[in-house]
Amino acid sequence: MLLLIDCGNTNIVFAIAQNDRILKKWRINTDPKRTADEYYVWLIKLLEIENINLLSISDCIIASVVPDALFSLLNFNKEYLKIEPFIVGENDLKIGIDINIDNPSEAGADRIVNAVAVKKFYNKPSIVIDFGTATTFDIVSKSGSYDGGIIAPGVNLSLEALYMAASRLPRIKVDNTKDINIVGKNTKDSMYSGIYWGYISLIEGLVKRINEEKNFKYYVIATGGLSNLFSKNCSIIEKVDNELTLNGLIHIYNINNN
């Protein structure tokens, strides 16, 4: 079995895959101070619930944008799995695509993995919108190369900044339980509208400008925790794929394992 680890700024996703199929996945908050021992105790209990033996994990691949967290994840692999994981971003790891930006080493591992997944599973010029700690827009060309993108503040990051900076505004979160009107009749509904419809306008506006700048209409794929919520009212999003990064990791593993 293959262990996939997607380490973001807010959460880390662990997933078990076999024969190119994701069997189970779990999420834990990202804490750079968490030790290899703590990862072991947490994961082994979850594996036991699913009747998966830790020793059945034969390989691991990691995409991380948090260097301090990566250190403990590597120790976890070494001490408890007894394996040397593949690390996205290491020079000797093949990814199967070109990175067409000024400094390829600056590209986030998750963004590269998403581009790899688009080339493999969609094979068409695309914009990937990832709703994470940041909301990112990444361009995948006709040839499958990663051609750069846009980084905007994430939805929850914006909400937290609004709460912290304005003393009379409450802490809220946008979720799937509420219909959000354009015009709010109270403070909370006004904040819901500003964030939700504001981000819809951000998405639609930036995709429109990308298409105009490139003189091409890209296929638009959304991923990340809030992608389903925003896709409901954003017609330019043509596909929601919340396993895009994990499937990209599987493909990169296959390229290098062969």
Protein backbone atom coordinates (compact mmCIF):
# COMPACT_ATOMS: atom_id res chain seq x y z
CA MET A 1 0.00 0.00 0.00
CA LEU A 2 1.02 3.57 -0.68
CA LEU A 3 0.79 6.36 1.90
CA LEU A 4 0.04 9.79 0.45
CA ILE A 5 0.73 12.89 2.55
CA ASP A 6 -0.40 16.33 1.39
CA CYS A 7 0.88 18.86 3.95
CA GLY A 8 -0.69 22.31 3.63
CA ASN A 9 -0.46 25.38 5.82
CA THR A 10 -3.75 24.63 7.59
CA ASN A 11 -4.26 20.86 7.32
CA ILE A 12 -2.38 17.69 6.47
CA VAL A 13 -4.19 14.98 4.51
CA PHE A 14 -3.04 11.38 4.95
CA ALA A 15 -4.42 8.85 2.48
CA ILE A 16 -3.96 5.16 1.76
CA ALA A 17 -3.92 4.07 -1.88
CA GLN A 18 -3.68 0.68 -3.53
CA ASN A 19 -3.63 -0.12 -7.24
CA ASP A 20 -3.97 3.61 -8.05
CA ARG A 21 -7.16 3.86 -6.00
CA ILE A 22 -7.61 5.90 -2.84
CA LEU A 23 -9.00 3.64 -0.14
CA LYS A 24 -9.21 6.02 2.81
CA LYS A 25 -8.13 9.51 3.78
CA TRP A 26 -7.90 11.49 7.00
CA ARG A 27 -7.22 15.11 7.89
CA ILE A 28 -5.30 16.63 10.80
CA ASN A 29 -4.41 20.25 11.51
CA THR A 30 -0.90 21.30 10.56
CA ASP A 31 1.29 21.76 13.61
CA PRO A 32 5.05 22.13 12.96
CA LYS A 33 5.68 21.10 16.58
CA ARG A 34 3.92 17.73 16.23
CA THR A 35 6.43 14.92 16.57
CA ALA A 36 6.89 11.69 14.63
CA ASP A 37 5.62 9.81 17.71
CA GLU A 38 2.39 11.81 17.72
CA TYR A 39 1.79 11.11 14.03
CA TYR A 40 2.29 7.42 14.73
CA VAL A 41 -0.18 7.30 17.64
CA TRP A 42 -2.79 9.24 15.65
CA LEU A 43 -2.46 7.29 12.41
CA ILE A 44 -2.19 3.80 13.83
CA LYS A 45 -5.53 4.16 15.63
CA LEU A 46 -7.22 5.26 12.41
CA LEU A 47 -5.66 2.38 10.52
CA GLU A 48 -6.89 -0.07 13.14
CA ILE A 49 -10.46 1.18 12.68
CA GLU A 50 -10.17 0.39 8.96
CA ASN A 51 -8.41 -2.96 9.60
CA ILE A 52 -5.27 -1.75 7.82
CA ASN A 53 -1.92 -2.95 9.14
CA LEU A 54 0.71 -0.22 9.40
CA LEU A 55 3.30 -2.66 8.09
CA SER A 56 1.31 -3.08 4.88
CA ILE A 57 2.43 0.43 3.88
CA SER A 58 5.38 -0.17 1.57
CA ASP A 59 5.96 3.31 0.15
CA CYS A 60 5.13 6.96 0.81
CA ILE A 61 5.08 10.18 -1.20
CA ILE A 62 4.87 13.63 0.39
CA ALA A 63 3.97 17.07 -0.94
CA SER A 64 4.61 19.72 1.69
CA VAL A 65 4.58 23.52 1.78
CA VAL A 66 5.58 23.60 5.47
CA PRO A 67 9.30 22.79 5.89
CA ASP A 68 9.12 22.50 9.70
CA ALA A 69 6.29 19.96 9.48
CA LEU A 70 8.13 18.02 6.78
CA PHE A 71 10.98 17.27 9.20
CA SER A 72 8.69 15.31 11.56
CA LEU A 73 6.91 13.59 8.67
CA LEU A 74 10.26 12.33 7.41
CA ASN A 75 11.15 11.09 10.89
CA PHE A 76 7.78 9.32 11.11
CA ASN A 77 8.55 7.48 7.86
CA LYS A 78 12.05 6.57 9.00
CA GLU A 79 11.21 5.45 12.53
CA TYR A 80 7.84 3.74 12.11
CA LEU A 81 7.44 2.81 8.44
CA LYS A 82 11.13 2.08 7.85
CA ILE A 83 10.95 3.62 4.38
CA GLU A 84 12.47 6.55 2.53
CA PRO A 85 9.56 8.59 1.07
CA PHE A 86 9.46 10.39 -2.24
CA ILE A 87 9.41 14.18 -1.69
CA VAL A 88 7.83 16.44 -4.30
CA GLY A 89 10.27 19.25 -4.99
CA GLU A 90 13.46 17.25 -4.60
CA ASN A 91 15.71 17.61 -7.63
CA ASP A 92 15.91 13.91 -8.41
CA LEU A 93 12.13 13.36 -8.42
CA LYS A 94 10.55 13.20 -11.87
CA ILE A 95 7.22 14.98 -12.22
CA GLY A 96 6.56 14.56 -15.94
CA ILE A 97 5.84 18.22 -16.72
CA ASP A 98 7.78 21.42 -17.40
CA ILE A 99 7.60 24.32 -14.96
CA ASN A 100 7.51 27.54 -16.97
CA ILE A 101 8.03 30.22 -14.34
CA ASP A 102 10.94 32.53 -13.50
CA ASN A 103 12.19 30.41 -10.60
CA PRO A 104 10.81 26.84 -10.68
CA SER A 105 11.96 26.20 -7.10
CA GLU A 106 9.42 28.79 -5.90
CA ALA A 107 6.44 26.76 -7.09
CA GLY A 108 4.48 25.21 -4.23
CA ALA A 109 4.53 21.42 -4.15
CA ASP A 110 0.73 21.22 -4.05
CA ARG A 111 0.40 23.47 -7.10
CA ILE A 112 2.85 21.37 -9.07
CA VAL A 113 1.09 18.15 -8.09
CA ASN A 114 -2.25 19.61 -9.20
CA ALA A 115 -0.74 20.51 -12.59
CA VAL A 116 0.62 16.97 -12.94
CA ALA A 117 -2.85 15.58 -12.18
CA VAL A 118 -4.48 17.85 -14.76
CA LYS A 119 -2.11 16.70 -17.50
CA LYS A 120 -2.61 13.05 -16.61
CA PHE A 121 -6.36 12.91 -15.98
CA TYR A 122 -7.81 15.83 -17.98
CA ASN A 123 -5.22 16.47 -20.71
CA LYS A 124 -6.57 19.89 -21.62
CA PRO A 125 -5.49 23.51 -20.97
CA SER A 126 -6.92 24.28 -17.55
CA ILE A 127 -7.09 26.68 -14.64
CA VAL A 128 -7.00 24.96 -11.25
CA ILE A 129 -8.63 26.95 -8.44
CA ASP A 130 -7.55 25.57 -5.06
CA PHE A 131 -9.48 26.75 -1.99
CA GLY A 132 -6.84 26.35 0.69
CA THR A 133 -5.17 28.67 3.19
CA ALA A 134 -4.62 30.78 0.07
CA THR A 135 -6.95 30.71 -2.91
CA THR A 136 -4.69 29.88 -5.83
CA PHE A 137 -5.26 29.94 -9.58
CA ASP A 138 -2.81 27.78 -11.55
CA ILE A 139 -2.44 27.59 -15.30
CA VAL A 140 -1.79 24.30 -17.07
CA SER A 141 -0.94 24.72 -20.76
CA LYS A 142 -1.97 22.65 -23.75
CA SER A 143 1.29 20.71 -23.47
CA GLY A 144 0.66 20.07 -19.76
CA SER A 145 3.30 22.46 -18.46
CA TYR A 146 2.78 24.55 -15.33
CA ASP A 147 2.66 28.16 -16.57
CA GLY A 148 2.31 30.11 -13.32
CA GLY A 149 -0.73 31.52 -11.61
CA ILE A 150 -2.25 33.78 -9.00
CA ILE A 151 -2.18 33.69 -5.19
CA ALA A 152 -5.00 35.41 -3.28
CA PRO A 153 -5.88 35.29 0.44
CA GLY A 154 -7.94 32.24 1.35
CA VAL A 155 -11.57 32.46 2.39
CA ASN A 156 -11.03 31.55 6.05
CA LEU A 157 -7.91 33.70 6.23
CA SER A 158 -9.93 36.69 5.03
CA LEU A 159 -12.66 36.00 7.58
CA GLU A 160 -10.14 35.80 10.39
CA ALA A 161 -8.44 39.03 9.29
CA LEU A 162 -11.82 40.78 9.19
CA TYR A 163 -12.67 39.58 12.69
CA MET A 164 -9.27 40.52 14.11
CA ALA A 165 -9.16 43.99 12.54
CA ALA A 166 -12.72 45.16 13.23
CA SER A 167 -13.62 45.09 16.93
CA ARG A 168 -17.40 44.99 16.48
CA LEU A 169 -17.55 42.27 13.84
CA PRO A 170 -18.23 38.69 14.98
CA ARG A 171 -16.21 35.61 14.01
CA ILE A 172 -18.12 33.68 11.34
CA LYS A 173 -17.38 30.94 8.86
CA VAL A 174 -18.85 30.24 5.46
CA ASP A 175 -20.21 26.72 5.17
CA ASN A 176 -22.80 24.70 3.31
CA THR A 177 -25.62 25.25 5.78
CA LYS A 178 -26.69 28.75 4.78
CA ASP A 179 -28.24 30.34 1.69
CA ILE A 180 -26.38 33.60 1.20
CA ASN A 181 -28.27 36.62 -0.13
CA ILE A 182 -26.47 39.41 -1.93
CA VAL A 183 -27.78 42.13 0.39
CA GLY A 184 -27.50 41.35 4.09
CA LYS A 185 -30.06 42.64 6.59
CA ASN A 186 -27.79 42.24 9.62
CA THR A 187 -24.07 42.25 10.36
CA LYS A 188 -23.51 38.51 10.01
CA ASP A 189 -25.43 38.22 6.75
CA SER A 190 -23.59 41.25 5.38
CA MET A 191 -20.29 39.55 6.22
CA TYR A 192 -21.46 36.28 4.65
CA SER A 193 -22.33 38.15 1.48
CA GLY A 194 -19.09 40.10 1.36
CA ILE A 195 -17.00 36.97 1.65
CA TYR A 196 -19.09 34.56 -0.42
CA TRP A 197 -20.19 36.78 -3.28
CA GLY A 198 -16.94 38.71 -3.08
CA TYR A 199 -15.01 35.51 -3.76
CA ILE A 200 -17.43 34.50 -6.51
CA SER A 201 -16.69 37.84 -8.18
CA LEU A 202 -12.97 37.37 -7.58
CA ILE A 203 -13.06 33.95 -9.23
CA GLU A 204 -15.14 35.03 -12.20
CA GLY A 205 -13.15 38.22 -12.70
CA LEU A 206 -9.71 36.61 -12.54
CA VAL A 207 -10.65 33.70 -14.81
CA LYS A 208 -12.05 36.19 -17.33
CA ARG A 209 -8.83 38.23 -17.22
CA ILE A 210 -6.65 35.11 -17.57
CA ASN A 211 -8.64 34.04 -20.64
CA GLU A 212 -8.31 37.52 -22.12
CA GLU A 213 -4.57 37.77 -21.43
CA LYS A 214 -3.88 34.32 -22.89
CA ASN A 215 -6.48 34.74 -25.65
CA PHE A 216 -7.82 31.30 -24.79
CA LYS A 217 -10.76 29.85 -22.88
CA TYR A 218 -9.40 27.46 -20.26
CA TYR A 219 -11.22 24.55 -18.66
CA VAL A 220 -11.77 25.41 -14.97
CA ILE A 221 -11.29 22.83 -12.20
CA ALA A 222 -11.89 23.58 -8.52
CA THR A 223 -10.43 21.67 -5.60
CA GLY A 224 -10.10 22.14 -1.84
CA GLY A 225 -12.50 22.11 1.07
CA LEU A 226 -14.79 24.94 -0.05
CA SER A 227 -14.87 24.11 -3.75
CA ASN A 228 -18.33 22.51 -3.65
CA LEU A 229 -19.81 25.51 -1.84
CA PHE A 230 -18.49 28.08 -4.31
CA SER A 231 -19.11 25.98 -7.42
CA LYS A 232 -22.86 26.01 -6.68
CA ASN A 233 -23.12 29.65 -7.73
CA CYS A 234 -20.09 30.00 -9.99
CA SER A 235 -20.92 28.82 -13.49
CA ILE A 236 -17.35 29.17 -14.77
CA ILE A 237 -16.27 26.23 -12.56
CA GLU A 238 -16.73 23.24 -14.83
CA LYS A 239 -15.44 20.47 -12.57
CA VAL A 240 -14.96 19.92 -8.83
CA ASP A 241 -12.24 17.38 -8.06
CA ASN A 242 -11.39 17.14 -4.37
CA GLU A 243 -8.95 14.27 -4.93
CA LEU A 244 -6.93 16.08 -7.60
CA THR A 245 -3.82 16.48 -5.42
CA LEU A 246 -3.92 12.93 -4.06
CA ASN A 247 -4.31 11.46 -7.54
CA GLY A 248 -1.46 13.66 -8.72
CA LEU A 249 0.71 12.23 -5.95
CA ILE A 250 -0.17 8.69 -7.03
CA HIS A 251 0.84 9.50 -10.61
CA ILE A 252 4.16 11.07 -9.58
CA TYR A 253 4.86 8.01 -7.43
CA ASN A 254 4.15 5.74 -10.40
CA ILE A 255 6.50 7.74 -12.67
CA ASN A 256 9.34 7.38 -10.19
CA ASN A 257 8.62 3.87 -8.96
CA ASN A 258 8.86 2.47 -12.47
